[in-house]
Amino acid sequence: MLTFALLILAPMQDAPSPAPVKLVVPAGPCKPMVDGVVVTLDGLRAATGQWAAAKREVRFEPDAKADPACMQDVLKLLGAAGAGEKFPLAFVENEAMSGVEGD
């Protein structure tokens, strides 16, 4: 019986974790993007529920020139969904955020 249980659990333990989600808030109008697809704030709210259920990592890449009100809305949605508690959240600094320009 123990061998049977180990055979069932082994594939579950070896399952790779899902790829991180890339959340970008670009400069300009409030059009957040999830994995390159523009979403509404309602769509983002629904997606955060799925991320929490699957415990998917979110890589948050805001643009320094993003609309402050949009950034605030996105951060409120992430906070309400339990970012950092129910699913991991990583802030990714890009060149636009840091002000560093390429050579």
Protein backbone atom coordinates (compact mmCIF):
# COMPACT_ATOMS: atom_id res chain seq x y z
CA MET A 1 0.00 0.00 0.00
CA LEU A 2 2.85 2.38 0.83
CA THR A 3 4.46 1.71 -2.55
CA PHE A 4 1.19 2.55 -4.29
CA ALA A 5 0.93 5.84 -2.39
CA LEU A 6 4.51 6.75 -3.31
CA LEU A 7 3.83 6.04 -6.98
CA ILE A 8 0.86 8.39 -6.90
CA LEU A 9 2.64 11.20 -5.03
CA ALA A 10 5.93 11.08 -6.97
CA PRO A 11 4.59 12.70 -10.18
CA MET A 12 2.82 15.39 -8.15
CA GLN A 13 6.02 16.36 -6.35
CA ASP A 14 8.06 16.53 -9.55
CA ALA A 15 5.59 18.77 -11.37
CA PRO A 16 7.32 21.99 -12.43
CA SER A 17 6.00 25.18 -10.94
CA PRO A 18 4.07 27.34 -13.40
CA ALA A 19 5.99 30.03 -15.25
CA PRO A 20 5.93 33.46 -13.61
CA VAL A 21 3.33 35.94 -14.80
CA LYS A 22 4.72 39.19 -16.24
CA LEU A 23 2.62 42.20 -15.20
CA VAL A 24 3.59 45.47 -16.88
CA VAL A 25 2.12 48.93 -16.31
CA PRO A 26 3.35 50.90 -19.34
CA ALA A 27 3.63 54.65 -19.78
CA GLY A 28 0.57 56.42 -21.10
CA PRO A 29 -3.06 55.47 -20.57
CA CYS A 30 -4.00 52.87 -17.96
CA LYS A 31 -3.58 49.66 -19.93
CA PRO A 32 -1.86 47.07 -17.74
CA MET A 33 -0.50 44.06 -19.60
CA VAL A 34 -0.38 40.45 -18.41
CA ASP A 35 2.11 38.36 -20.36
CA GLY A 36 1.96 40.89 -23.21
CA VAL A 37 -1.85 41.08 -23.39
CA VAL A 38 -3.65 44.30 -22.45
CA VAL A 39 -6.24 43.74 -19.70
CA THR A 40 -8.84 45.91 -18.02
CA LEU A 41 -8.70 46.49 -14.28
CA ASP A 42 -11.65 44.07 -13.93
CA GLY A 43 -9.71 41.51 -15.96
CA LEU A 44 -6.68 42.07 -13.75
CA ARG A 45 -8.84 41.57 -10.65
CA ALA A 46 -10.04 38.22 -12.01
CA ALA A 47 -6.50 37.19 -12.93
CA THR A 48 -5.17 37.92 -9.43
CA GLY A 49 -7.69 35.46 -8.03
CA GLN A 50 -6.35 32.79 -10.36
CA TRP A 51 -2.76 33.63 -9.44
CA ALA A 52 -3.57 33.32 -5.75
CA ALA A 53 -5.29 29.95 -6.26
CA ALA A 54 -2.31 28.62 -8.25
CA LYS A 55 0.31 30.45 -6.13
CA ARG A 56 1.90 31.78 -9.32
CA GLU A 57 4.78 34.19 -9.04
CA VAL A 58 4.05 37.63 -10.47
CA ARG A 59 6.92 39.68 -11.88
CA PHE A 60 5.75 43.30 -11.68
CA GLU A 61 7.46 45.65 -14.14
CA PRO A 62 6.13 49.21 -13.81
CA ASP A 63 7.29 51.97 -16.13
CA ALA A 64 8.54 55.13 -14.42
CA LYS A 65 6.28 57.17 -16.71
CA ALA A 66 3.14 55.16 -15.96
CA ASP A 67 0.11 57.13 -14.84
CA PRO A 68 0.30 57.41 -11.02
CA ALA A 69 -3.45 56.81 -10.63
CA CYS A 70 -3.16 53.65 -12.73
CA MET A 71 -0.20 52.43 -10.67
CA GLN A 72 -2.20 53.05 -7.50
CA ASP A 73 -5.17 51.09 -8.88
CA VAL A 74 -2.95 48.16 -9.89
CA LEU A 75 -1.16 48.11 -6.54
CA LYS A 76 -4.51 48.21 -4.70
CA LEU A 77 -5.72 45.21 -6.73
CA LEU A 78 -2.52 43.29 -6.00
CA GLY A 79 -2.79 44.11 -2.30
CA ALA A 80 -6.45 43.12 -2.11
CA ALA A 81 -5.62 39.80 -3.79
CA GLY A 82 -2.97 39.04 -1.18
CA ALA A 83 0.18 39.63 -3.22
CA GLY A 84 3.18 38.60 -1.19
CA GLU A 85 1.03 36.42 1.06
CA LYS A 86 -1.13 34.27 -1.21
CA PHE A 87 1.21 34.43 -4.20
CA PRO A 88 4.80 35.67 -4.61
CA LEU A 89 5.35 39.14 -6.04
CA ALA A 90 8.69 40.31 -7.44
CA PHE A 91 9.30 43.92 -8.41
CA VAL A 92 11.48 44.04 -11.52
CA GLU A 93 13.34 47.26 -12.13
CA ASN A 94 13.67 48.04 -15.81
CA GLU A 95 15.70 50.73 -17.54
CA ALA A 96 12.72 53.07 -17.61
CA MET A 97 12.37 52.76 -13.83
CA SER A 98 16.04 53.16 -12.98
CA GLY A 99 16.82 55.93 -15.43
CA VAL A 100 19.83 53.96 -16.70
CA GLU A 101 20.26 54.09 -20.42
CA GLY A 102 22.05 51.50 -22.52
CA ASP A 103 25.34 52.23 -24.20
